[in-house]
Amino acid sequence: MIDDITVEELKQKIDAGEKFVFIDVREPHEYEEFNLNATLIPLGTLPSAINDLLPHKDEEIIIHCRSGARSGSAKITLTQLGFTKVRNVLGGALEWQRLYGR
């Protein structure tokens, strides 16, 4: 299983313009308050979004939430479905805001 990713590593990837699938599994109201321009797929709707994600099964997928708990669950779900490069953002949006502000 691929390692999770720190907020610092994520910021480096974004700043470098690296290509990856970026998913936010928080709720819409959380996304409206603060987001990192990831695709919003709330954790509860993830099963219905699987077909849309299948073309990316072997690409790097980075998932974040508020603290890392929901994205950890999403990582387990996708990994069990055969996705090979799923990474959870450790500390989530809270850690991003702590380090970099809004």
PDB file of N, CA and C in Angstrom:
ATOM      1  N   MET A   1       0.847  -1.188   0.000  1.00  0.00           N
ATOM      2  CA  MET A   1       0.000   0.000   0.000  1.00  0.00           C
ATOM      3  C   MET A   1       0.893   1.252   0.000  1.00  0.00           C
ATOM      4  N   ILE A   2       0.510   2.212  -0.759  1.00  0.00           N
ATOM      5  CA  ILE A   2       1.283   3.458  -0.889  1.00  0.00           C
ATOM      6  C   ILE A   2       1.164   4.284   0.404  1.00  0.00           C
ATOM      7  N   ASP A   3       2.218   5.013   0.725  1.00  0.00           N
ATOM      8  CA  ASP A   3       2.241   5.820   1.953  1.00  0.00           C
ATOM      9  C   ASP A   3       1.275   6.993   1.865  1.00  0.00           C
ATOM     10  N   ASP A   4       0.809   7.418   3.040  1.00  0.00           N
ATOM     11  CA  ASP A   4       0.007   8.631   3.104  1.00  0.00           C
ATOM     12  C   ASP A   4       0.916   9.827   2.840  1.00  0.00           C
ATOM     13  N   ILE A   5       0.319  11.003   2.805  1.00  0.00           N
ATOM     14  CA  ILE A   5       1.069  12.200   2.425  1.00  0.00           C
ATOM     15  C   ILE A   5       0.867  13.290   3.466  1.00  0.00           C
ATOM     16  N   THR A   6       1.930  14.018   3.760  1.00  0.00           N
ATOM     17  CA  THR A   6       1.812  15.134   4.695  1.00  0.00           C
ATOM     18  C   THR A   6       1.299  16.364   3.950  1.00  0.00           C
ATOM     19  N   VAL A   7       0.818  17.335   4.715  1.00  0.00           N
ATOM     20  CA  VAL A   7       0.363  18.599   4.128  1.00  0.00           C
ATOM     21  C   VAL A   7       1.518  19.285   3.395  1.00  0.00           C
ATOM     22  N   GLU A   8       2.716  19.211   3.966  1.00  0.00           N
ATOM     23  CA  GLU A   8       3.872  19.837   3.330  1.00  0.00           C
ATOM     24  C   GLU A   8       4.164  19.196   1.964  1.00  0.00           C
ATOM     25  N   GLU A   9       4.105  17.855   1.914  1.00  0.00           N
ATOM     26  CA  GLU A   9       4.338  17.160   0.638  1.00  0.00           C
ATOM     27  C   GLU A   9       3.254  17.510  -0.377  1.00  0.00           C
ATOM     28  N   LEU A  10       2.014  17.601   0.084  1.00  0.00           N
ATOM     29  CA  LEU A  10       0.907  17.963  -0.795  1.00  0.00           C
ATOM     30  C   LEU A  10       1.126  19.355  -1.374  1.00  0.00           C
ATOM     31  N   LYS A  11       1.510  20.311  -0.523  1.00  0.00           N
ATOM     32  CA  LYS A  11       1.728  21.677  -1.001  1.00  0.00           C
ATOM     33  C   LYS A  11       2.841  21.706  -2.052  1.00  0.00           C
ATOM     34  N   GLN A  12       3.886  20.936  -1.843  1.00  0.00           N
ATOM     35  CA  GLN A  12       4.984  20.864  -2.824  1.00  0.00           C
ATOM     36  C   GLN A  12       4.468  20.348  -4.162  1.00  0.00           C
ATOM     37  N   LYS A  13       3.624  19.312  -4.127  1.00  0.00           N
ATOM     38  CA  LYS A  13       3.064  18.741  -5.362  1.00  0.00           C
ATOM     39  C   LYS A  13       2.196  19.778  -6.088  1.00  0.00           C
ATOM     40  N   ILE A  14       1.353  20.477  -5.319  1.00  0.00           N
ATOM     41  CA  ILE A  14       0.470  21.487  -5.916  1.00  0.00           C
ATOM     42  C   ILE A  14       1.308  22.613  -6.516  1.00  0.00           C
ATOM     43  N   ASP A  15       2.285  23.097  -5.742  1.00  0.00           N
ATOM     44  CA  ASP A  15       3.124  24.206  -6.213  1.00  0.00           C
ATOM     45  C   ASP A  15       3.920  23.814  -7.452  1.00  0.00           C
ATOM     46  N   ALA A  16       4.297  22.537  -7.554  1.00  0.00           N
ATOM     47  CA  ALA A  16       5.075  22.048  -8.698  1.00  0.00           C
ATOM     48  C   ALA A  16       4.187  21.736  -9.906  1.00  0.00           C
ATOM     49  N   GLY A  17       2.863  21.812  -9.711  1.00  0.00           N
ATOM     50  CA  GLY A  17       1.945  21.528 -10.810  1.00  0.00           C
ATOM     51  C   GLY A  17       1.862  20.055 -11.159  1.00  0.00           C
ATOM     52  N   GLU A  18       2.176  19.183 -10.192  1.00  0.00           N
ATOM     53  CA  GLU A  18       2.110  17.745 -10.466  1.00  0.00           C
ATOM     54  C   GLU A  18       0.672  17.310 -10.708  1.00  0.00           C
ATOM     55  N   LYS A  19       0.531  16.280 -11.527  1.00  0.00           N
ATOM     56  CA  LYS A  19      -0.798  15.749 -11.866  1.00  0.00           C
ATOM     57  C   LYS A  19      -1.171  14.628 -10.900  1.00  0.00           C
ATOM     58  N   PHE A  20      -2.335  14.749 -10.312  1.00  0.00           N
ATOM     59  CA  PHE A  20      -2.891  13.691  -9.482  1.00  0.00           C
ATOM     60  C   PHE A  20      -4.383  13.953  -9.341  1.00  0.00           C
ATOM     61  N   VAL A  21      -5.122  12.934  -8.933  1.00  0.00           N
ATOM     62  CA  VAL A  21      -6.551  13.087  -8.693  1.00  0.00           C
ATOM     63  C   VAL A  21      -6.695  13.538  -7.238  1.00  0.00           C
ATOM     64  N   PHE A  22      -7.357  14.676  -7.042  1.00  0.00           N
ATOM     65  CA  PHE A  22      -7.445  15.292  -5.715  1.00  0.00           C
ATOM     66  C   PHE A  22      -8.908  15.326  -5.284  1.00  0.00           C
ATOM     67  N   ILE A  23      -9.212  14.644  -4.174  1.00  0.00           N
ATOM     68  CA  ILE A  23     -10.597  14.504  -3.720  1.00  0.00           C
ATOM     69  C   ILE A  23     -10.737  15.006  -2.290  1.00  0.00           C
ATOM     70  N   ASP A  24     -11.810  15.759  -2.053  1.00  0.00           N
ATOM     71  CA  ASP A  24     -12.178  16.257  -0.728  1.00  0.00           C
ATOM     72  C   ASP A  24     -13.442  15.499  -0.321  1.00  0.00           C
ATOM     73  N   VAL A  25     -13.396  14.743   0.787  1.00  0.00           N
ATOM     74  CA  VAL A  25     -14.557  13.943   1.194  1.00  0.00           C
ATOM     75  C   VAL A  25     -15.364  14.589   2.331  1.00  0.00           C
ATOM     76  N   ARG A  26     -15.165  15.895   2.522  1.00  0.00           N
ATOM     77  CA  ARG A  26     -15.958  16.598   3.532  1.00  0.00           C
ATOM     78  C   ARG A  26     -17.359  16.891   2.986  1.00  0.00           C
ATOM     79  N   GLU A  27     -18.168  17.539   3.814  1.00  0.00           N
ATOM     80  CA  GLU A  27     -19.524  17.914   3.417  1.00  0.00           C
ATOM     81  C   GLU A  27     -19.501  19.258   2.679  1.00  0.00           C
ATOM     82  N   PRO A  28     -20.533  19.524   1.851  1.00  0.00           N
ATOM     83  CA  PRO A  28     -20.550  20.767   1.064  1.00  0.00           C
ATOM     84  C   PRO A  28     -20.360  22.040   1.895  1.00  0.00           C
ATOM     85  N   HIS A  29     -20.959  22.123   3.086  1.00  0.00           N
ATOM     86  CA  HIS A  29     -20.821  23.350   3.885  1.00  0.00           C
ATOM     87  C   HIS A  29     -19.369  23.544   4.343  1.00  0.00           C
ATOM     88  N   GLU A  30     -18.662  22.454   4.605  1.00  0.00           N
ATOM     89  CA  GLU A  30     -17.250  22.561   4.979  1.00  0.00           C
ATOM     90  C   GLU A  30     -16.423  23.046   3.788  1.00  0.00           C
ATOM     91  N   TYR A  31     -16.760  22.513   2.607  1.00  0.00           N
ATOM     92  CA  TYR A  31     -16.055  22.875   1.369  1.00  0.00           C
ATOM     93  C   TYR A  31     -16.236  24.361   1.069  1.00  0.00           C
ATOM     94  N   GLU A  32     -17.454  24.868   1.298  1.00  0.00           N
ATOM     95  CA  GLU A  32     -17.731  26.287   1.037  1.00  0.00           C
ATOM     96  C   GLU A  32     -16.921  27.196   1.964  1.00  0.00           C
ATOM     97  N   GLU A  33     -16.729  26.764   3.198  1.00  0.00           N
ATOM     98  CA  GLU A  33     -15.983  27.575   4.164  1.00  0.00           C
ATOM     99  C   GLU A  33     -14.504  27.662   3.801  1.00  0.00           C
ATOM    100  N   PHE A  34     -13.937  26.551   3.356  1.00  0.00           N
ATOM    101  CA  PHE A  34     -12.511  26.483   3.023  1.00  0.00           C
ATOM    102  C   PHE A  34     -12.268  25.265   2.159  1.00  0.00           C
ATOM    103  N   ASN A  35     -11.556  25.445   1.030  1.00  0.00           N
ATOM    104  CA  ASN A  35     -11.217  24.278   0.235  1.00  0.00           C
ATOM    105  C   ASN A  35      -9.895  24.480  -0.480  1.00  0.00           C
ATOM    106  N   LEU A  36      -9.337  23.367  -0.940  1.00  0.00           N
ATOM    107  CA  LEU A  36      -8.047  23.358  -1.628  1.00  0.00           C
ATOM    108  C   LEU A  36      -8.220  23.078  -3.122  1.00  0.00           C
ATOM    109  N   ASN A  37      -9.414  23.353  -3.637  1.00  0.00           N
ATOM    110  CA  ASN A  37      -9.742  23.135  -5.052  1.00  0.00           C
ATOM    111  C   ASN A  37      -9.711  21.667  -5.453  1.00  0.00           C
ATOM    112  N   ALA A  38      -9.943  20.791  -4.486  1.00  0.00           N
ATOM    113  CA  ALA A  38     -10.083  19.371  -4.797  1.00  0.00           C
ATOM    114  C   ALA A  38     -11.514  19.128  -5.268  1.00  0.00           C
ATOM    115  N   THR A  39     -11.754  17.987  -5.901  1.00  0.00           N
ATOM    116  CA  THR A  39     -13.103  17.609  -6.307  1.00  0.00           C
ATOM    117  C   THR A  39     -13.872  17.173  -5.066  1.00  0.00           C
ATOM    118  N   LEU A  40     -15.034  17.768  -4.843  1.00  0.00           N
ATOM    119  CA  LEU A  40     -15.837  17.438  -3.666  1.00  0.00           C
ATOM    120  C   LEU A  40     -16.646  16.170  -3.922  1.00  0.00           C
ATOM    121  N   ILE A  41     -16.350  15.134  -3.137  1.00  0.00           N
ATOM    122  CA  ILE A  41     -17.139  13.896  -3.137  1.00  0.00           C
ATOM    123  C   ILE A  41     -17.346  13.529  -1.667  1.00  0.00           C
ATOM    124  N   PRO A  42     -18.422  14.028  -1.042  1.00  0.00           N
ATOM    125  CA  PRO A  42     -18.637  13.719   0.372  1.00  0.00           C
ATOM    126  C   PRO A  42     -18.557  12.209   0.626  1.00  0.00           C
ATOM    127  N   LEU A  43     -17.969  11.831   1.759  1.00  0.00           N
ATOM    128  CA  LEU A  43     -17.722  10.417   2.050  1.00  0.00           C
ATOM    129  C   LEU A  43     -18.958   9.552   1.839  1.00  0.00           C
ATOM    130  N   GLY A  44     -20.124  10.044   2.254  1.00  0.00           N
ATOM    131  CA  GLY A  44     -21.354   9.263   2.114  1.00  0.00           C
ATOM    132  C   GLY A  44     -21.754   9.000   0.671  1.00  0.00           C
ATOM    133  N   THR A  45     -21.254   9.824  -0.256  1.00  0.00           N
ATOM    134  CA  THR A  45     -21.607   9.651  -1.666  1.00  0.00           C
ATOM    135  C   THR A  45     -20.499   8.935  -2.446  1.00  0.00           C
ATOM    136  N   LEU A  46     -19.406   8.584  -1.765  1.00  0.00           N
ATOM    137  CA  LEU A  46     -18.280   7.947  -2.458  1.00  0.00           C
ATOM    138  C   LEU A  46     -18.680   6.675  -3.221  1.00  0.00           C
ATOM    139  N   PRO A  47     -19.497   5.778  -2.617  1.00  0.00           N
ATOM    140  CA  PRO A  47     -19.862   4.565  -3.380  1.00  0.00           C
ATOM    141  C   PRO A  47     -20.509   4.864  -4.724  1.00  0.00           C
ATOM    142  N   SER A  48     -21.307   5.920  -4.802  1.00  0.00           N
ATOM    143  CA  SER A  48     -21.974   6.227  -6.073  1.00  0.00           C
ATOM    144  C   SER A  48     -21.032   6.929  -7.055  1.00  0.00           C
ATOM    145  N   ALA A  49     -19.864   7.347  -6.587  1.00  0.00           N
ATOM    146  CA  ALA A  49     -18.902   8.023  -7.465  1.00  0.00           C
ATOM    147  C   ALA A  49     -17.824   7.082  -7.990  1.00  0.00           C
ATOM    148  N   ILE A  50     -17.838   5.837  -7.540  1.00  0.00           N
ATOM    149  CA  ILE A  50     -16.777   4.884  -7.903  1.00  0.00           C
ATOM    150  C   ILE A  50     -16.637   4.751  -9.417  1.00  0.00           C
ATOM    151  N   ASN A  51     -17.752   4.641 -10.131  1.00  0.00           N
ATOM    152  CA  ASN A  51     -17.665   4.475 -11.591  1.00  0.00           C
ATOM    153  C   ASN A  51     -16.941   5.635 -12.254  1.00  0.00           C
ATOM    154  N   ASP A  52     -17.147   6.847 -11.728  1.00  0.00           N
ATOM    155  CA  ASP A  52     -16.455   8.022 -12.275  1.00  0.00           C
ATOM    156  C   ASP A  52     -14.959   7.961 -11.996  1.00  0.00           C
ATOM    157  N   LEU A  53     -14.584   7.293 -10.913  1.00  0.00           N
ATOM    158  CA  LEU A  53     -13.174   7.229 -10.524  1.00  0.00           C
ATOM    159  C   LEU A  53     -12.432   6.063 -11.173  1.00  0.00           C
ATOM    160  N   LEU A  54     -13.157   5.072 -11.681  1.00  0.00           N
ATOM    161  CA  LEU A  54     -12.498   3.876 -12.240  1.00  0.00           C
ATOM    162  C   LEU A  54     -11.426   4.168 -13.283  1.00  0.00           C
ATOM    163  N   PRO A  55     -11.604   5.166 -14.167  1.00  0.00           N
ATOM    164  CA  PRO A  55     -10.534   5.447 -15.134  1.00  0.00           C
ATOM    165  C   PRO A  55      -9.213   5.850 -14.472  1.00  0.00           C
ATOM    166  N   HIS A  56      -9.271   6.227 -13.197  1.00  0.00           N
ATOM    167  CA  HIS A  56      -8.080   6.685 -12.482  1.00  0.00           C
ATOM    168  C   HIS A  56      -7.533   5.618 -11.531  1.00  0.00           C
ATOM    169  N   LYS A  57      -7.953   4.373 -11.733  1.00  0.00           N
ATOM    170  CA  LYS A  57      -7.644   3.288 -10.790  1.00  0.00           C
ATOM    171  C   LYS A  57      -6.152   3.133 -10.498  1.00  0.00           C
ATOM    172  N   ASP A  58      -5.299   3.390 -11.492  1.00  0.00           N
ATOM    173  CA  ASP A  58      -3.860   3.211 -11.290  1.00  0.00           C
ATOM    174  C   ASP A  58      -3.103   4.534 -11.250  1.00  0.00           C
ATOM    175  N   GLU A  59      -3.840   5.636 -11.106  1.00  0.00           N
ATOM    176  CA  GLU A  59      -3.207   6.949 -10.978  1.00  0.00           C
ATOM    177  C   GLU A  59      -3.125   7.303  -9.494  1.00  0.00           C
ATOM    178  N   GLU A  60      -2.275   8.271  -9.175  1.00  0.00           N
ATOM    179  CA  GLU A  60      -2.195   8.732  -7.799  1.00  0.00           C
ATOM    180  C   GLU A  60      -3.477   9.489  -7.445  1.00  0.00           C
ATOM    181  N   ILE A  61      -4.119   9.055  -6.373  1.00  0.00           N
ATOM    182  CA  ILE A  61      -5.329   9.706  -5.870  1.00  0.00           C
ATOM    183  C   ILE A  61      -5.016  10.187  -4.460  1.00  0.00           C
ATOM    184  N   ILE A  62      -5.173  11.476  -4.227  1.00  0.00           N
ATOM    185  CA  ILE A  62      -4.918  12.057  -2.910  1.00  0.00           C
ATOM    186  C   ILE A  62      -6.255  12.528  -2.350  1.00  0.00           C
ATOM    187  N   ILE A  63      -6.577  12.050  -1.141  1.00  0.00           N
ATOM    188  CA  ILE A  63      -7.874  12.348  -0.523  1.00  0.00           C
ATOM    189  C   ILE A  63      -7.650  13.119   0.765  1.00  0.00           C
ATOM    190  N   HIS A  64      -8.446  14.164   0.970  1.00  0.00           N
ATOM    191  CA  HIS A  64      -8.367  14.871   2.247  1.00  0.00           C
ATOM    192  C   HIS A  64      -9.746  15.151   2.799  1.00  0.00           C
ATOM    193  N   CYS A  65      -9.776  15.415   4.109  1.00  0.00           N
ATOM    194  CA  CYS A  65     -10.998  15.839   4.791  1.00  0.00           C
ATOM    195  C   CYS A  65     -10.598  16.893   5.807  1.00  0.00           C
ATOM    196  N   ARG A  66     -11.322  17.006   6.888  1.00  0.00           N
ATOM    197  CA  ARG A  66     -11.011  18.026   7.890  1.00  0.00           C
ATOM    198  C   ARG A  66      -9.748  17.667   8.658  1.00  0.00           C
ATOM    199  N   SER A  67      -9.655  16.406   9.129  1.00  0.00           N
ATOM    200  CA  SER A  67      -8.543  16.031  10.005  1.00  0.00           C
ATOM    201  C   SER A  67      -7.773  14.803   9.538  1.00  0.00           C
ATOM    202  N   GLY A  68      -8.322  14.053   8.584  1.00  0.00           N
ATOM    203  CA  GLY A  68      -7.668  12.842   8.113  1.00  0.00           C
ATOM    204  C   GLY A  68      -8.445  11.577   8.405  1.00  0.00           C
ATOM    205  N   ALA A  69      -9.500  11.665   9.220  1.00  0.00           N
ATOM    206  CA  ALA A  69     -10.263  10.471   9.595  1.00  0.00           C
ATOM    207  C   ALA A  69     -11.173   9.985   8.452  1.00  0.00           C
ATOM    208  N   ARG A  70     -12.009  10.875   7.917  1.00  0.00           N
ATOM    209  CA  ARG A  70     -12.902  10.469   6.824  1.00  0.00           C
ATOM    210  C   ARG A  70     -12.118  10.092   5.580  1.00  0.00           C
ATOM    211  N   SER A  71     -11.045  10.836   5.304  1.00  0.00           N
ATOM    212  CA  SER A  71     -10.247  10.503   4.122  1.00  0.00           C
ATOM    213  C   SER A  71      -9.540   9.165   4.323  1.00  0.00           C
ATOM    214  N   GLY A  72      -9.221   8.822   5.569  1.00  0.00           N
ATOM    215  CA  GLY A  72      -8.656   7.508   5.854  1.00  0.00           C
ATOM    216  C   GLY A  72      -9.648   6.406   5.523  1.00  0.00           C
ATOM    217  N   SER A  73     -10.915   6.620   5.871  1.00  0.00           N
ATOM    218  CA  SER A  73     -11.967   5.656   5.533  1.00  0.00           C
ATOM    219  C   SER A  73     -12.129   5.546   4.022  1.00  0.00           C
ATOM    220  N   ALA A  74     -12.093   6.680   3.337  1.00  0.00           N
ATOM    221  CA  ALA A  74     -12.227   6.679   1.876  1.00  0.00           C
ATOM    222  C   ALA A  74     -11.064   5.928   1.235  1.00  0.00           C
ATOM    223  N   LYS A  75      -9.866   6.108   1.790  1.00  0.00           N
ATOM    224  CA  LYS A  75      -8.689   5.406   1.273  1.00  0.00           C
ATOM    225  C   LYS A  75      -8.886   3.896   1.381  1.00  0.00           C
ATOM    226  N   ILE A  76      -9.364   3.441   2.534  1.00  0.00           N
ATOM    227  CA  ILE A  76      -9.599   2.003   2.728  1.00  0.00           C
ATOM    228  C   ILE A  76     -10.616   1.497   1.709  1.00  0.00           C
ATOM    229  N   THR A  77     -11.704   2.225   1.535  1.00  0.00           N
ATOM    230  CA  THR A  77     -12.739   1.830   0.577  1.00  0.00           C
ATOM    231  C   THR A  77     -12.168   1.680  -0.824  1.00  0.00           C
ATOM    232  N   LEU A  78     -11.447   2.702  -1.297  1.00  0.00           N
ATOM    233  CA  LEU A  78     -10.908   2.661  -2.658  1.00  0.00           C
ATOM    234  C   LEU A  78      -9.848   1.568  -2.808  1.00  0.00           C
ATOM    235  N   THR A  79      -9.010   1.405  -1.795  1.00  0.00           N
ATOM    236  CA  THR A  79      -7.968   0.376  -1.851  1.00  0.00           C
ATOM    237  C   THR A  79      -8.601  -1.010  -1.949  1.00  0.00           C
ATOM    238  N   GLN A  80      -9.668  -1.236  -1.181  1.00  0.00           N
ATOM    239  CA  GLN A  80     -10.361  -2.531  -1.234  1.00  0.00           C
ATOM    240  C   GLN A  80     -10.986  -2.782  -2.604  1.00  0.00           C
ATOM    241  N   LEU A  81     -11.295  -1.708  -3.325  1.00  0.00           N
ATOM    242  CA  LEU A  81     -11.886  -1.838  -4.660  1.00  0.00           C
ATOM    243  C   LEU A  81     -10.819  -1.925  -5.752  1.00  0.00           C
ATOM    244  N   GLY A  82      -9.557  -1.988  -5.362  1.00  0.00           N
ATOM    245  CA  GLY A  82      -8.496  -2.211  -6.339  1.00  0.00           C
ATOM    246  C   GLY A  82      -7.759  -0.969  -6.807  1.00  0.00           C
ATOM    247  N   PHE A  83      -8.050   0.183  -6.214  1.00  0.00           N
ATOM    248  CA  PHE A  83      -7.291   1.387  -6.556  1.00  0.00           C
ATOM    249  C   PHE A  83      -5.899   1.239  -5.944  1.00  0.00           C
ATOM    250  N   THR A  84      -4.864   1.537  -6.723  1.00  0.00           N
ATOM    251  CA  THR A  84      -3.514   1.144  -6.321  1.00  0.00           C
ATOM    252  C   THR A  84      -2.668   2.237  -5.694  1.00  0.00           C
ATOM    253  N   LYS A  85      -3.015   3.517  -5.886  1.00  0.00           N
ATOM    254  CA  LYS A  85      -2.138   4.599  -5.401  1.00  0.00           C
ATOM    255  C   LYS A  85      -2.933   5.657  -4.654  1.00  0.00           C
ATOM    256  N   VAL A  86      -3.666   5.221  -3.625  1.00  0.00           N
ATOM    257  CA  VAL A  86      -4.503   6.143  -2.855  1.00  0.00           C
ATOM    258  C   VAL A  86      -3.733   6.624  -1.636  1.00  0.00           C
ATOM    259  N   ARG A  87      -3.709   7.936  -1.432  1.00  0.00           N
ATOM    260  CA  ARG A  87      -2.986   8.528  -0.306  1.00  0.00           C
ATOM    261  C   ARG A  87      -3.916   9.432   0.495  1.00  0.00           C
ATOM    262  N   ASN A  88      -3.806   9.334   1.806  1.00  0.00           N
ATOM    263  CA  ASN A  88      -4.590  10.148   2.719  1.00  0.00           C
ATOM    264  C   ASN A  88      -3.724  11.332   3.172  1.00  0.00           C
ATOM    265  N   VAL A  89      -4.300  12.531   3.184  1.00  0.00           N
ATOM    266  CA  VAL A  89      -3.570  13.714   3.660  1.00  0.00           C
ATOM    267  C   VAL A  89      -3.615  13.715   5.187  1.00  0.00           C
ATOM    268  N   LEU A  90      -2.470  13.507   5.810  1.00  0.00           N
ATOM    269  CA  LEU A  90      -2.382  13.450   7.267  1.00  0.00           C
ATOM    270  C   LEU A  90      -2.639  14.832   7.863  1.00  0.00           C
ATOM    271  N   GLY A  91      -3.632  14.913   8.742  1.00  0.00           N
ATOM    272  CA  GLY A  91      -3.964  16.199   9.372  1.00  0.00           C
ATOM    273  C   GLY A  91      -5.005  17.003   8.623  1.00  0.00           C
ATOM    274  N   GLY A  92      -5.224  16.682   7.349  1.00  0.00           N
ATOM    275  CA  GLY A  92      -6.289  17.286   6.568  1.00  0.00           C
ATOM    276  C   GLY A  92      -6.269  18.807   6.495  1.00  0.00           C
ATOM    277  N   ALA A  93      -7.459  19.361   6.284  1.00  0.00           N
ATOM    278  CA  ALA A  93      -7.608  20.806   6.104  1.00  0.00           C
ATOM    279  C   ALA A  93      -7.192  21.571   7.361  1.00  0.00           C
ATOM    280  N   LEU A  94      -7.393  20.970   8.537  1.00  0.00           N
ATOM    281  CA  LEU A  94      -6.984  21.654   9.773  1.00  0.00           C
ATOM    282  C   LEU A  94      -5.478  21.900   9.784  1.00  0.00           C
ATOM    283  N   GLU A  95      -4.725  20.883   9.393  1.00  0.00           N
ATOM    284  CA  GLU A  95      -3.264  21.017   9.373  1.00  0.00           C
ATOM    285  C   GLU A  95      -2.832  22.010   8.302  1.00  0.00           C
ATOM    286  N   TRP A  96      -3.497  21.980   7.128  1.00  0.00           N
ATOM    287  CA  TRP A  96      -3.186  22.943   6.061  1.00  0.00           C
ATOM    288  C   TRP A  96      -3.378  24.370   6.589  1.00  0.00           C
ATOM    289  N   GLN A  97      -4.518  24.611   7.223  1.00  0.00           N
ATOM    290  CA  GLN A  97      -4.815  25.955   7.730  1.00  0.00           C
ATOM    291  C   GLN A  97      -3.842  26.350   8.831  1.00  0.00           C
ATOM    292  N   ARG A  98      -3.435  25.394   9.661  1.00  0.00           N
ATOM    293  CA  ARG A  98      -2.478  25.685  10.739  1.00  0.00           C
ATOM    294  C   ARG A  98      -1.141  26.136  10.143  1.00  0.00           C
ATOM    295  N   LEU A  99      -0.706  25.452   9.067  1.00  0.00           N
ATOM    296  CA  LEU A  99       0.591  25.749   8.477  1.00  0.00           C
ATOM    297  C   LEU A  99       0.562  26.930   7.501  1.00  0.00           C
ATOM    298  N   TYR A 100      -0.505  27.022   6.704  1.00  0.00           N
ATOM    299  CA  TYR A 100      -0.515  27.978   5.591  1.00  0.00           C
ATOM    300  C   TYR A 100      -1.653  28.988   5.645  1.00  0.00           C
ATOM    301  N   GLY A 101      -2.510  28.894   6.645  1.00  0.00           N
ATOM    302  CA  GLY A 101      -3.649  29.804   6.709  1.00  0.00           C
ATOM    303  C   GLY A 101      -4.686  29.449   5.647  1.00  0.00           C
ATOM    304  N   ARG A 102      -5.514  30.397   5.299  1.00  0.00           N
ATOM    305  CA  ARG A 102      -6.567  30.129   4.305  1.00  0.00           C
ATOM    306  C   ARG A 102      -5.925  30.142   2.973  1.00  0.00           C
TER     307      ARG A 102
END
